[in-house]
C-alpha atoms as a PDB file:
ATOM      1  CA  MET A   1     182.410 118.753 157.164  1.00  0.00           C
ATOM      2  CA  ASN A   2     183.487 121.730 155.092  1.00  0.00           C
ATOM      3  CA  SER A   3     182.455 124.920 156.836  1.00  0.00           C
ATOM      4  CA  GLY A   4     179.243 123.199 157.879  1.00  0.00           C
ATOM      5  CA  ALA A   5     176.687 121.604 155.636  1.00  0.00           C
ATOM      6  CA  GLY A   6     175.101 124.103 153.313  1.00  0.00           C
ATOM      7  CA  LEU A   7     177.734 126.794 153.899  1.00  0.00           C
ATOM      8  CA  PRO A   8     180.470 127.889 151.513  1.00  0.00           C
ATOM      9  CA  ALA A   9     183.991 128.442 152.809  1.00  0.00           C
ATOM     10  CA  VAL A  10     184.004 131.148 155.480  1.00  0.00           C
ATOM     11  CA  ILE A  11     187.385 132.427 154.235  1.00  0.00           C
ATOM     12  CA  ASP A  12     188.889 131.560 150.869  1.00  0.00           C
ATOM     13  CA  TYR A  13     191.844 132.922 148.905  1.00  0.00           C
ATOM     14  CA  ASP A  14     191.984 132.951 145.104  1.00  0.00           C
ATOM     15  CA  ARG A  15     195.658 133.256 144.169  1.00  0.00           C
ATOM     16  CA  GLU A  16     195.007 133.747 140.464  1.00  0.00           C
ATOM     17  CA  ASN A  17     192.873 136.834 141.114  1.00  0.00           C
ATOM     18  CA  ASN A  18     194.637 137.769 144.374  1.00  0.00           C
ATOM     19  CA  THR A  19     191.277 138.040 146.143  1.00  0.00           C
ATOM     20  CA  ILE A  20     190.004 136.902 149.523  1.00  0.00           C
ATOM     21  CA  THR A  21     186.370 135.862 149.658  1.00  0.00           C
ATOM     22  CA  ILE A  22     184.511 135.815 152.971  1.00  0.00           C
ATOM     23  CA  ILE A  23     180.988 135.203 154.169  1.00  0.00           C
ATOM     24  CA  ASP A  24     179.843 138.680 155.217  1.00  0.00           C
ATOM     25  CA  GLN A  25     178.601 137.857 158.698  1.00  0.00           C
ATOM     26  CA  THR A  26     176.918 141.222 159.158  1.00  0.00           C
ATOM     27  CA  ARG A  27     174.348 140.090 156.568  1.00  0.00           C
ATOM     28  CA  LEU A  28     173.407 136.859 158.332  1.00  0.00           C
ATOM     29  CA  PRO A  29     170.953 135.286 158.845  1.00  0.00           C
ATOM     30  CA  MET A  30     168.808 137.173 156.339  1.00  0.00           C
ATOM     31  CA  ASP A  31     171.239 136.976 153.434  1.00  0.00           C
ATOM     32  CA  LEU A  32     174.140 134.612 152.776  1.00  0.00           C
ATOM     33  CA  VAL A  33     176.452 136.995 150.950  1.00  0.00           C
ATOM     34  CA  LEU A  34     179.992 136.300 149.745  1.00  0.00           C
ATOM     35  CA  LYS A  35     182.163 139.407 149.764  1.00  0.00           C
ATOM     36  CA  ASP A  36     185.454 139.876 147.910  1.00  0.00           C
ATOM     37  CA  LEU A  37     188.335 141.612 149.671  1.00  0.00           C
ATOM     38  CA  LYS A  38     190.793 143.030 147.170  1.00  0.00           C
ATOM     39  CA  THR A  39     192.878 145.505 149.198  1.00  0.00           C
ATOM     40  CA  ILE A  40     194.509 145.704 152.613  1.00  0.00           C
ATOM     41  CA  ASP A  41     191.900 148.315 153.547  1.00  0.00           C
ATOM     42  CA  ASP A  42     189.142 145.849 152.638  1.00  0.00           C
ATOM     43  CA  VAL A  43     190.688 143.309 155.019  1.00  0.00           C
ATOM     44  CA  TYR A  44     191.096 145.826 157.845  1.00  0.00           C
ATOM     45  CA  LEU A  45     187.491 146.989 157.556  1.00  0.00           C
ATOM     46  CA  ALA A  46     186.168 143.432 157.320  1.00  0.00           C
ATOM     47  CA  ILE A  47     187.793 142.705 160.687  1.00  0.00           C
ATOM     48  CA  LYS A  48     186.906 146.040 162.260  1.00  0.00           C
ATOM     49  CA  ASN A  49     183.271 145.948 161.136  1.00  0.00           C
ATOM     50  CA  LEU A  50     182.688 142.284 162.134  1.00  0.00           C
ATOM     51  CA  GLU A  51     182.187 141.075 158.580  1.00  0.00           C
ATOM     52  CA  VAL A  52     184.603 138.387 159.671  1.00  0.00           C
ATOM     53  CA  ARG A  53     184.913 137.715 163.414  1.00  0.00           C
ATOM     54  CA  GLY A  54     185.986 135.085 165.903  1.00  0.00           C
ATOM     55  CA  ALA A  55     189.569 134.859 167.134  1.00  0.00           C
ATOM     56  CA  PRO A  56     190.892 132.166 164.745  1.00  0.00           C
ATOM     57  CA  ALA A  57     189.002 133.606 161.756  1.00  0.00           C
ATOM     58  CA  ILE A  58     190.300 137.158 162.124  1.00  0.00           C
ATOM     59  CA  GLY A  59     193.832 135.823 162.509  1.00  0.00           C
ATOM     60  CA  LEU A  60     193.431 133.750 159.361  1.00  0.00           C
ATOM     61  CA  VAL A  61     191.904 136.518 157.251  1.00  0.00           C
ATOM     62  CA  ALA A  62     194.651 138.911 158.396  1.00  0.00           C
ATOM     63  CA  ALA A  63     197.284 136.363 157.348  1.00  0.00           C
ATOM     64  CA  TYR A  64     195.654 136.072 153.937  1.00  0.00           C
ATOM     65  CA  GLY A  65     195.481 139.870 153.896  1.00  0.00           C
ATOM     66  CA  LEU A  66     199.270 139.980 154.109  1.00  0.00           C
ATOM     67  CA  VAL A  67     199.494 137.457 151.280  1.00  0.00           C
ATOM     68  CA  LEU A  68     197.165 139.617 149.211  1.00  0.00           C
ATOM     69  CA  TYR A  69     199.122 142.778 149.995  1.00  0.00           C
ATOM     70  CA  ALA A  70     202.486 141.162 149.301  1.00  0.00           C
ATOM     71  CA  HIS A  71     201.392 140.367 145.751  1.00  0.00           C
ATOM     72  CA  THR A  72     200.572 144.046 145.138  1.00  0.00           C
ATOM     73  CA  ILE A  73     204.029 145.398 146.026  1.00  0.00           C
ATOM     74  CA  ARG A  74     205.862 145.656 142.735  1.00  0.00           C
ATOM     75  CA  THR A  75     209.504 145.665 143.775  1.00  0.00           C
ATOM     76  CA  ASP A  76     212.609 143.511 144.012  1.00  0.00           C
ATOM     77  CA  ASP A  77     214.004 145.731 146.769  1.00  0.00           C
ATOM     78  CA  ARG A  78     213.882 143.579 149.886  1.00  0.00           C
ATOM     79  CA  LEU A  79     214.191 146.476 152.333  1.00  0.00           C
ATOM     80  CA  PHE A  80     211.424 148.448 150.631  1.00  0.00           C
ATOM     81  CA  PHE A  81     209.248 145.334 150.579  1.00  0.00           C
ATOM     82  CA  TRP A  82     209.910 144.761 154.299  1.00  0.00           C
ATOM     83  CA  GLY A  83     208.953 148.343 155.126  1.00  0.00           C
ATOM     84  CA  GLN A  84     205.679 148.081 153.234  1.00  0.00           C
ATOM     85  CA  MET A  85     204.801 144.756 154.789  1.00  0.00           C
ATOM     86  CA  ARG A  86     205.673 145.914 158.286  1.00  0.00           C
ATOM     87  CA  GLY A  87     203.321 148.870 157.881  1.00  0.00           C
ATOM     88  CA  ALA A  88     200.542 146.576 156.659  1.00  0.00           C
ATOM     89  CA  ALA A  89     201.091 144.214 159.593  1.00  0.00           C
ATOM     90  CA  THR A  90     200.858 147.034 162.136  1.00  0.00           C
ATOM     91  CA  TYR A  91     197.727 148.327 160.429  1.00  0.00           C
ATOM     92  CA  LEU A  92     195.941 144.970 160.504  1.00  0.00           C
ATOM     93  CA  LYS A  93     196.873 144.275 164.128  1.00  0.00           C
ATOM     94  CA  SER A  94     195.243 147.559 165.149  1.00  0.00           C
ATOM     95  CA  ALA A  95     191.831 146.482 163.831  1.00  0.00           C
ATOM     96  CA  ARG A  96     190.747 144.728 167.049  1.00  0.00           C
ATOM     97  CA  PRO A  97     192.743 144.492 170.295  1.00  0.00           C
ATOM     98  CA  THR A  98     191.354 141.644 172.411  1.00  0.00           C
ATOM     99  CA  ALA A  99     191.808 138.443 170.405  1.00  0.00           C
ATOM    100  CA  VAL A 100     195.455 137.384 170.594  1.00  0.00           C
ATOM    101  CA  ASN A 101     195.216 135.317 167.380  1.00  0.00           C
ATOM    102  CA  LEU A 102     195.182 138.471 165.265  1.00  0.00           C
ATOM    103  CA  SER A 103     198.573 139.749 166.351  1.00  0.00           C
ATOM    104  CA  ARG A 104     200.037 136.266 166.756  1.00  0.00           C
ATOM    105  CA  ASP A 105     199.090 135.106 163.257  1.00  0.00           C
ATOM    106  CA  VAL A 106     200.251 138.341 161.660  1.00  0.00           C
ATOM    107  CA  ASP A 107     203.586 138.005 163.467  1.00  0.00           C
ATOM    108  CA  MET A 108     203.858 134.403 162.324  1.00  0.00           C
ATOM    109  CA  VAL A 109     203.487 135.467 158.704  1.00  0.00           C
ATOM    110  CA  MET A 110     205.983 138.289 159.159  1.00  0.00           C
ATOM    111  CA  SER A 111     208.557 135.893 160.639  1.00  0.00           C
ATOM    112  CA  ALA A 112     209.361 134.923 157.055  1.00  0.00           C
ATOM    113  CA  PHE A 113     211.703 137.904 156.967  1.00  0.00           C
ATOM    114  CA  GLN A 114     213.767 136.438 159.803  1.00  0.00           C
ATOM    115  CA  ARG A 115     213.723 132.885 158.456  1.00  0.00           C
ATOM    116  CA  LEU A 116     214.737 133.997 154.965  1.00  0.00           C
ATOM    117  CA  ALA A 117     217.253 136.725 155.742  1.00  0.00           C
ATOM    118  CA  GLY A 118     218.695 137.979 152.484  1.00  0.00           C
ATOM    119  CA  ALA A 119     216.298 135.975 150.307  1.00  0.00           C
ATOM    120  CA  PRO A 120     214.734 137.583 147.231  1.00  0.00           C
ATOM    121  CA  VAL A 121     211.246 139.054 147.464  1.00  0.00           C
ATOM    122  CA  ASP A 122     209.558 136.324 145.423  1.00  0.00           C
ATOM    123  CA  LYS A 123     210.861 133.629 147.762  1.00  0.00           C
ATOM    124  CA  ILE A 124     209.603 135.545 150.793  1.00  0.00           C
ATOM    125  CA  ILE A 125     206.137 135.875 149.208  1.00  0.00           C
ATOM    126  CA  ASN A 126     206.046 132.141 148.545  1.00  0.00           C
ATOM    127  CA  ASP A 127     206.963 131.475 152.177  1.00  0.00           C
ATOM    128  CA  ILE A 128     204.274 133.859 153.436  1.00  0.00           C
ATOM    129  CA  GLU A 129     201.706 132.082 151.319  1.00  0.00           C
ATOM    130  CA  PHE A 130     202.927 128.657 152.450  1.00  0.00           C
ATOM    131  CA  CYS A 131     202.783 129.634 156.142  1.00  0.00           C
ATOM    132  CA  THR A 132     199.234 130.917 155.755  1.00  0.00           C
ATOM    133  CA  GLY A 133     198.208 127.604 154.237  1.00  0.00           C
ATOM    134  CA  LEU A 134     199.786 125.831 157.213  1.00  0.00           C
ATOM    135  CA  LEU A 135     197.827 128.107 159.544  1.00  0.00           C
ATOM    136  CA  LYS A 136     194.532 127.131 157.921  1.00  0.00           C
ATOM    137  CA  SER A 137     195.439 123.438 158.159  1.00  0.00           C
ATOM    138  CA  ALA A 138     196.423 123.869 161.815  1.00  0.00           C
ATOM    139  CA  ILE A 139     193.055 125.475 162.595  1.00  0.00           C
ATOM    140  CA  LYS A 140     191.208 122.502 161.112  1.00  0.00           C
ATOM    141  CA  ALA A 141     193.403 119.971 162.921  1.00  0.00           C
ATOM    142  CA  ALA A 142     192.917 121.766 166.250  1.00  0.00           C
ATOM    143  CA  GLU A 143     189.141 121.793 165.774  1.00  0.00           C
ATOM    144  CA  GLU A 144     189.067 118.053 165.140  1.00  0.00           C
ATOM    145  CA  ALA A 145     191.101 117.386 168.285  1.00  0.00           C
ATOM    146  CA  ILE A 146     188.992 119.730 170.432  1.00  0.00           C
ATOM    147  CA  GLY A 147     185.889 118.052 169.059  1.00  0.00           C
ATOM    148  CA  ARG A 148     187.118 114.568 170.004  1.00  0.00           C
ATOM    149  CA  THR A 149     187.915 115.585 173.590  1.00  0.00           C
ATOM    150  CA  GLY A 150     184.691 117.527 174.026  1.00  0.00           C
ATOM    151  CA  ALA A 151     182.514 114.841 172.476  1.00  0.00           C
ATOM    152  CA  SER A 152     183.844 112.301 174.971  1.00  0.00           C
ATOM    153  CA  LEU A 153     182.059 114.331 177.664  1.00  0.00           C
ATOM    154  CA  LEU A 154     178.688 114.040 175.920  1.00  0.00           C
ATOM    155  CA  GLU A 155     176.175 111.234 175.795  1.00  0.00           C
ATOM    156  CA  ASP A 156     173.237 110.521 173.547  1.00  0.00           C
ATOM    157  CA  GLY A 157     170.360 112.890 174.332  1.00  0.00           C
ATOM    158  CA  ASP A 158     172.456 115.534 176.091  1.00  0.00           C
ATOM    159  CA  LEU A 159     171.526 119.207 176.096  1.00  0.00           C
ATOM    160  CA  VAL A 160     174.250 121.870 176.177  1.00  0.00           C
ATOM    161  CA  MET A 161     174.300 125.660 176.245  1.00  0.00           C
ATOM    162  CA  THR A 162     176.573 128.010 174.345  1.00  0.00           C
ATOM    163  CA  HIS A 163     177.143 131.748 174.052  1.00  0.00           C
ATOM    164  CA  CYS A 164     178.136 133.973 171.114  1.00  0.00           C
ATOM    165  CA  ASN A 165     179.420 132.021 168.094  1.00  0.00           C
ATOM    166  CA  ALA A 166     182.376 129.679 168.252  1.00  0.00           C
ATOM    167  CA  GLY A 167     181.528 127.525 165.263  1.00  0.00           C
ATOM    168  CA  VAL A 168     182.959 127.432 161.755  1.00  0.00           C
ATOM    169  CA  LEU A 169     181.906 131.042 161.180  1.00  0.00           C
ATOM    170  CA  ALA A 170     184.324 132.042 163.943  1.00  0.00           C
ATOM    171  CA  THR A 171     187.298 129.996 162.769  1.00  0.00           C
ATOM    172  CA  GLY A 172     187.185 129.595 159.012  1.00  0.00           C
ATOM    173  CA  GLY A 173     187.797 125.890 159.613  1.00  0.00           C
ATOM    174  CA  ALA A 174     185.533 122.862 159.621  1.00  0.00           C
ATOM    175  CA  LYS A 175     183.985 122.508 163.093  1.00  0.00           C
ATOM    176  CA  GLY A 176     184.738 125.607 165.132  1.00  0.00           C
ATOM    177  CA  THR A 177     185.847 125.442 168.758  1.00  0.00           C
ATOM    178  CA  ALA A 178     182.933 125.431 171.215  1.00  0.00           C
ATOM    179  CA  LEU A 179     180.672 123.827 168.623  1.00  0.00           C
ATOM    180  CA  ALA A 180     183.253 121.191 167.645  1.00  0.00           C
ATOM    181  CA  PRO A 181     182.218 118.796 170.461  1.00  0.00           C
ATOM    182  CA  ILE A 182     178.594 119.041 169.337  1.00  0.00           C
ATOM    183  CA  TYR A 183     179.434 118.356 165.698  1.00  0.00           C
ATOM    184  CA  ARG A 184     181.783 115.515 166.645  1.00  0.00           C
ATOM    185  CA  ALA A 185     179.249 113.946 169.002  1.00  0.00           C
ATOM    186  CA  ARG A 186     176.652 113.921 166.242  1.00  0.00           C
ATOM    187  CA  GLU A 187     179.170 112.302 163.866  1.00  0.00           C
ATOM    188  CA  GLU A 188     179.540 109.606 166.523  1.00  0.00           C
ATOM    189  CA  GLY A 189     175.786 109.001 166.380  1.00  0.00           C
ATOM    190  CA  LYS A 190     174.856 110.888 169.535  1.00  0.00           C
ATOM    191  CA  THR A 191     171.781 113.101 169.492  1.00  0.00           C
ATOM    192  CA  VAL A 192     172.891 116.357 171.098  1.00  0.00           C
ATOM    193  CA  SER A 193     170.836 119.548 171.192  1.00  0.00           C
ATOM    194  CA  VAL A 194     171.823 123.119 171.985  1.00  0.00           C
ATOM    195  CA  ILE A 195     170.461 126.142 173.808  1.00  0.00           C
ATOM    196  CA  ALA A 196     172.012 129.237 172.217  1.00  0.00           C
ATOM    197  CA  CYS A 197     172.062 132.563 174.065  1.00  0.00           C
ATOM    198  CA  GLU A 198     171.228 135.461 171.741  1.00  0.00           C
ATOM    199  CA  THR A 199     174.403 137.362 172.790  1.00  0.00           C
ATOM    200  CA  ARG A 200     173.559 141.036 173.059  1.00  0.00           C
ATOM    201  CA  PRO A 201     174.174 143.574 171.694  1.00  0.00           C
ATOM    202  CA  VAL A 202     175.245 142.283 168.264  1.00  0.00           C
ATOM    203  CA  LEU A 203     173.259 139.032 168.531  1.00  0.00           C
ATOM    204  CA  GLN A 204     175.933 136.609 167.333  1.00  0.00           C
ATOM    205  CA  GLY A 205     174.108 133.767 169.048  1.00  0.00           C
ATOM    206  CA  MET A 206     170.879 134.509 167.249  1.00  0.00           C
ATOM    207  CA  ARG A 207     172.241 135.528 163.864  1.00  0.00           C
ATOM    208  CA  LEU A 208     175.195 133.163 163.602  1.00  0.00           C
ATOM    209  CA  THR A 209     175.109 130.222 166.019  1.00  0.00           C
ATOM    210  CA  ALA A 210     171.432 129.402 165.565  1.00  0.00           C
ATOM    211  CA  PHE A 211     171.826 129.866 161.801  1.00  0.00           C
ATOM    212  CA  GLU A 212     174.908 127.647 161.623  1.00  0.00           C
ATOM    213  CA  LEU A 213     173.499 124.883 163.808  1.00  0.00           C
ATOM    214  CA  ALA A 214     170.234 124.843 161.877  1.00  0.00           C
ATOM    215  CA  LYS A 215     172.193 124.556 158.618  1.00  0.00           C
ATOM    216  CA  ASN A 216     173.903 121.496 160.111  1.00  0.00           C
ATOM    217  CA  GLN A 217     170.615 119.940 161.258  1.00  0.00           C
ATOM    218  CA  VAL A 218     171.503 120.326 164.947  1.00  0.00           C
ATOM    219  CA  PRO A 219     168.427 120.928 167.141  1.00  0.00           C
ATOM    220  CA  VAL A 220     168.829 124.414 168.601  1.00  0.00           C
ATOM    221  CA  ARG A 221     166.678 126.569 170.846  1.00  0.00           C
ATOM    222  CA  LEU A 222     167.338 130.315 171.028  1.00  0.00           C
ATOM    223  CA  ILE A 223     166.963 132.268 174.276  1.00  0.00           C
ATOM    224  CA  THR A 224     167.677 135.818 175.366  1.00  0.00           C
ATOM    225  CA  ASP A 225     170.746 136.223 177.552  1.00  0.00           C
ATOM    226  CA  SER A 226     168.568 136.990 180.557  1.00  0.00           C
ATOM    227  CA  MET A 227     166.862 133.587 180.266  1.00  0.00           C
ATOM    228  CA  ALA A 228     170.057 131.595 180.885  1.00  0.00           C
ATOM    229  CA  GLY A 229     169.552 131.334 184.648  1.00  0.00           C
ATOM    230  CA  ILE A 230     166.019 129.982 184.511  1.00  0.00           C
ATOM    231  CA  CYS A 231     167.014 127.500 181.805  1.00  0.00           C
ATOM    232  CA  MET A 232     169.850 126.220 184.005  1.00  0.00           C
ATOM    233  CA  LYS A 233     167.369 125.806 186.849  1.00  0.00           C
ATOM    234  CA  THR A 234     164.703 123.984 184.870  1.00  0.00           C
ATOM    235  CA  GLU A 235     166.502 122.205 182.014  1.00  0.00           C
ATOM    236  CA  PRO A 236     168.848 119.164 182.206  1.00  0.00           C
ATOM    237  CA  ILE A 237     171.848 121.040 180.817  1.00  0.00           C
ATOM    238  CA  LYS A 238     174.941 118.794 180.665  1.00  0.00           C
ATOM    239  CA  GLY A 239     177.452 121.597 180.252  1.00  0.00           C
ATOM    240  CA  ILE A 240     178.172 125.117 179.031  1.00  0.00           C
ATOM    241  CA  PHE A 241     180.558 125.258 176.062  1.00  0.00           C
ATOM    242  CA  VAL A 242     182.101 128.594 175.010  1.00  0.00           C
ATOM    243  CA  GLY A 243     185.086 129.740 172.994  1.00  0.00           C
ATOM    244  CA  ALA A 244     187.782 132.253 173.897  1.00  0.00           C
ATOM    245  CA  ASP A 245     189.559 135.248 172.413  1.00  0.00           C
ATOM    246  CA  ARG A 246     192.483 135.206 174.824  1.00  0.00           C
ATOM    247  CA  ILE A 247     193.503 133.022 177.777  1.00  0.00           C
ATOM    248  CA  THR A 248     196.145 134.297 180.174  1.00  0.00           C
ATOM    249  CA  ALA A 249     198.862 132.368 182.002  1.00  0.00           C
ATOM    250  CA  ASN A 250     196.700 131.946 185.110  1.00  0.00           C
ATOM    251  CA  GLY A 251     193.786 130.566 183.069  1.00  0.00           C
ATOM    252  CA  ASP A 252     191.569 133.659 183.001  1.00  0.00           C
ATOM    253  CA  VAL A 253     189.463 133.732 179.831  1.00  0.00           C
ATOM    254  CA  ALA A 254     188.442 136.706 177.698  1.00  0.00           C
ATOM    255  CA  ASN A 255     185.378 135.928 175.631  1.00  0.00           C
ATOM    256  CA  LYS A 256     182.281 137.669 174.313  1.00  0.00           C
ATOM    257  CA  ILE A 257     180.524 139.947 176.787  1.00  0.00           C
ATOM    258  CA  GLY A 258     178.115 137.923 178.901  1.00  0.00           C
ATOM    259  CA  THR A 259     180.422 134.918 179.274  1.00  0.00           C
ATOM    260  CA  TYR A 260     181.367 135.908 182.827  1.00  0.00           C
ATOM    261  CA  SER A 261     177.703 136.132 183.862  1.00  0.00           C
ATOM    262  CA  LEU A 262     177.066 132.715 182.324  1.00  0.00           C
ATOM    263  CA  ALA A 263     179.971 131.191 184.253  1.00  0.00           C
ATOM    264  CA  VAL A 264     178.680 132.609 187.536  1.00  0.00           C
ATOM    265  CA  LEU A 265     175.237 131.162 186.831  1.00  0.00           C
ATOM    266  CA  ALA A 266     176.711 127.810 185.846  1.00  0.00           C
ATOM    267  CA  GLN A 267     178.629 127.569 189.106  1.00  0.00           C
ATOM    268  CA  ALA A 268     175.509 128.475 191.090  1.00  0.00           C
ATOM    269  CA  HIS A 269     173.601 125.649 189.395  1.00  0.00           C
ATOM    270  CA  GLY A 270     176.406 123.081 189.492  1.00  0.00           C
ATOM    271  CA  ILE A 271     176.749 122.865 185.715  1.00  0.00           C
ATOM    272  CA  PRO A 272     180.260 122.287 184.265  1.00  0.00           C
ATOM    273  CA  PHE A 273     181.590 125.281 182.355  1.00  0.00           C
ATOM    274  CA  TYR A 274     183.991 124.440 179.508  1.00  0.00           C
ATOM    275  CA  VAL A 275     186.168 126.719 177.407  1.00  0.00           C
ATOM    276  CA  CYS A 276     187.181 125.333 174.004  1.00  0.00           C
ATOM    277  CA  ALA A 277     190.113 127.062 172.319  1.00  0.00           C
ATOM    278  CA  PRO A 278     193.279 126.213 170.397  1.00  0.00           C
ATOM    279  CA  THR A 279     196.579 126.765 172.185  1.00  0.00           C
ATOM    280  CA  SER A 280     197.195 129.724 169.868  1.00  0.00           C
ATOM    281  CA  THR A 281     194.628 131.576 172.003  1.00  0.00           C
ATOM    282  CA  ILE A 282     196.728 131.105 175.176  1.00  0.00           C
ATOM    283  CA  ASP A 283     198.831 134.193 175.871  1.00  0.00           C
ATOM    284  CA  LEU A 284     201.514 133.352 178.442  1.00  0.00           C
ATOM    285  CA  SER A 285     202.904 136.888 178.224  1.00  0.00           C
ATOM    286  CA  LEU A 286     199.957 138.115 180.299  1.00  0.00           C
ATOM    287  CA  GLU A 287     199.780 136.795 183.850  1.00  0.00           C
ATOM    288  CA  THR A 288     196.126 137.583 184.580  1.00  0.00           C
ATOM    289  CA  GLY A 289     192.951 138.553 182.797  1.00  0.00           C
ATOM    290  CA  SER A 290     193.109 142.058 184.240  1.00  0.00           C
ATOM    291  CA  LEU A 291     195.897 142.773 181.719  1.00  0.00           C
ATOM    292  CA  ILE A 292     193.861 141.843 178.638  1.00  0.00           C
ATOM    293  CA  PRO A 293     192.943 144.875 176.509  1.00  0.00           C
ATOM    294  CA  ILE A 294     189.159 144.936 176.269  1.00  0.00           C
ATOM    295  CA  GLU A 295     187.711 146.399 173.099  1.00  0.00           C
ATOM    296  CA  GLU A 296     184.952 148.934 173.642  1.00  0.00           C
ATOM    297  CA  ARG A 297     182.726 149.400 170.638  1.00  0.00           C
ATOM    298  CA  ASP A 298     180.422 152.063 169.256  1.00  0.00           C
ATOM    299  CA  PRO A 299     177.408 152.764 171.529  1.00  0.00           C
ATOM    300  CA  GLY A 300     175.334 152.646 168.357  1.00  0.00           C
ATOM    301  CA  GLU A 301     175.402 148.862 168.726  1.00  0.00           C
ATOM    302  CA  LEU A 302     173.228 149.386 171.812  1.00  0.00           C
ATOM    303  CA  THR A 303     170.900 152.050 170.488  1.00  0.00           C
ATOM    304  CA  GLN A 304     170.563 151.638 166.739  1.00  0.00           C
ATOM    305  CA  LEU A 305     171.869 148.362 165.369  1.00  0.00           C
ATOM    306  CA  TRP A 306     169.056 146.213 163.907  1.00  0.00           C
ATOM    307  CA  PHE A 307     166.611 149.138 164.026  1.00  0.00           C
ATOM    308  CA  GLU A 308     165.780 151.788 161.451  1.00  0.00           C
ATOM    309  CA  GLU A 309     165.744 154.600 164.001  1.00  0.00           C
ATOM    310  CA  ASN A 310     168.249 155.499 166.679  1.00  0.00           C
ATOM    311  CA  MET A 311     166.813 154.848 170.133  1.00  0.00           C
ATOM    312  CA  GLN A 312     169.510 156.800 171.971  1.00  0.00           C
ATOM    313  CA  VAL A 313     168.094 158.712 174.927  1.00  0.00           C
ATOM    314  CA  PRO A 314     169.476 162.264 175.371  1.00  0.00           C
ATOM    315  CA  ASP A 315     171.788 162.808 178.356  1.00  0.00           C
ATOM    316  CA  VAL A 316     172.381 159.073 178.852  1.00  0.00           C
ATOM    317  CA  THR A 317     175.904 157.659 178.691  1.00  0.00           C
ATOM    318  CA  TYR A 318     176.574 154.213 177.251  1.00  0.00           C
ATOM    319  CA  TYR A 319     179.062 151.422 178.008  1.00  0.00           C
ATOM    320  CA  ASN A 320     179.667 148.783 175.363  1.00  0.00           C
ATOM    321  CA  PRO A 321     182.607 146.454 176.060  1.00  0.00           C
ATOM    322  CA  ALA A 322     182.770 143.677 173.478  1.00  0.00           C
ATOM    323  CA  PHE A 323     184.326 141.176 175.892  1.00  0.00           C
ATOM    324  CA  ASP A 324     184.551 140.290 179.552  1.00  0.00           C
ATOM    325  CA  VAL A 325     186.990 138.158 181.547  1.00  0.00           C
ATOM    326  CA  THR A 326     185.980 134.967 183.326  1.00  0.00           C
ATOM    327  CA  PRO A 327     188.310 133.956 186.192  1.00  0.00           C
ATOM    328  CA  TYR A 328     189.804 130.505 185.853  1.00  0.00           C
ATOM    329  CA  GLU A 329     188.123 129.260 189.028  1.00  0.00           C
ATOM    330  CA  LEU A 330     184.759 129.629 187.274  1.00  0.00           C
ATOM    331  CA  VAL A 331     185.890 127.420 184.379  1.00  0.00           C
ATOM    332  CA  THR A 332     184.738 124.416 186.366  1.00  0.00           C
ATOM    333  CA  GLY A 333     184.774 121.904 183.510  1.00  0.00           C
ATOM    334  CA  GLY A 334     188.161 122.940 182.199  1.00  0.00           C
ATOM    335  CA  ILE A 335     189.899 124.451 179.180  1.00  0.00           C
ATOM    336  CA  ILE A 336     189.879 122.096 176.185  1.00  0.00           C
ATOM    337  CA  THR A 337     192.633 122.570 173.576  1.00  0.00           C
ATOM    338  CA  GLU A 338     193.898 120.424 170.725  1.00  0.00           C
ATOM    339  CA  HIS A 339     196.226 118.768 173.264  1.00  0.00           C
ATOM    340  CA  GLY A 340     193.461 117.890 175.680  1.00  0.00           C
ATOM    341  CA  PHE A 341     192.729 119.708 178.919  1.00  0.00           C
ATOM    342  CA  TRP A 342     195.064 122.619 179.680  1.00  0.00           C
ATOM    343  CA  LYS A 343     195.780 124.012 183.132  1.00  0.00           C
ATOM    344  CA  PRO A 344     197.755 127.097 184.200  1.00  0.00           C
ATOM    345  CA  GLY A 345     201.429 126.244 184.453  1.00  0.00           C
ATOM    346  CA  ALA A 346     201.228 123.582 181.742  1.00  0.00           C
ATOM    347  CA  SER A 347     203.102 123.870 178.467  1.00  0.00           C
ATOM    348  CA  HIS A 348     201.001 124.465 175.368  1.00  0.00           C
ATOM    349  CA  GLY A 349     203.596 123.811 172.699  1.00  0.00           C
END
């Protein structure tokens, strides 16, 4: 499955033209638009403005952004090249704070300067490009492994629920994370259907997950976030599958706003709650979820996005965190990585 049936590559790099091409996710589901990123500013804004989003995907596009930028620096001076690249790396990492993959993947690309101390600039560029290719391959391999583990939990006819988008649009790979078990199960001949929460305020569940699943011929039913509880009460939901933007050493999970509420509801109804994420999303440097930086976005997402007129009420303040943190004890099904189930205290190498 390449980026899902009917979808072009979510992130692609054309070396000959030194251009990154992405699916502009702000245009979905109305228009499937491919957008070219030609400068480091284009890459930064694509991440900042959610044209590309999802923890693995923003890490991957940032890595390709460094490849793109490296090819624009016309110099043989290694120290000058390092200074320019270091500035670009800092710039890209500032685009969004919560997902650990962004900073981790940028740092991985920049480690070429340590590995190749004293090497000429052209050799460093080749290494940066090679490492980014390895990153893309690792994303796809992790998705396949997560899919196999998750699919083993599903039987023919099962119904699952998901939140936000953790499919191929969020990873740039082939199956995504939280959707990988669904795709894998269907490859195994199991009929699995999905309830997708709309995911306010930016509606990733409606615009992206429902769109992606429909493109892959997966039966999907869309609900508003506030309908999740009644669906858990009345529907035979086998499990809740979500992705993650950062997982701390104690197992707390940062994911799209609304995930915490879903986990509380799942526990109340006795439904297993699973988090699907590659080990690159686990951040052992942070002990608990209270230390995760939570991005707060423009209130306009609450009052104007998707509407022609601003609905902001005078003298009302607005709160718009993009993520929340779900305590590990609410992840009742477990955390599924490419190495199987992960628990706090376990190695993830």
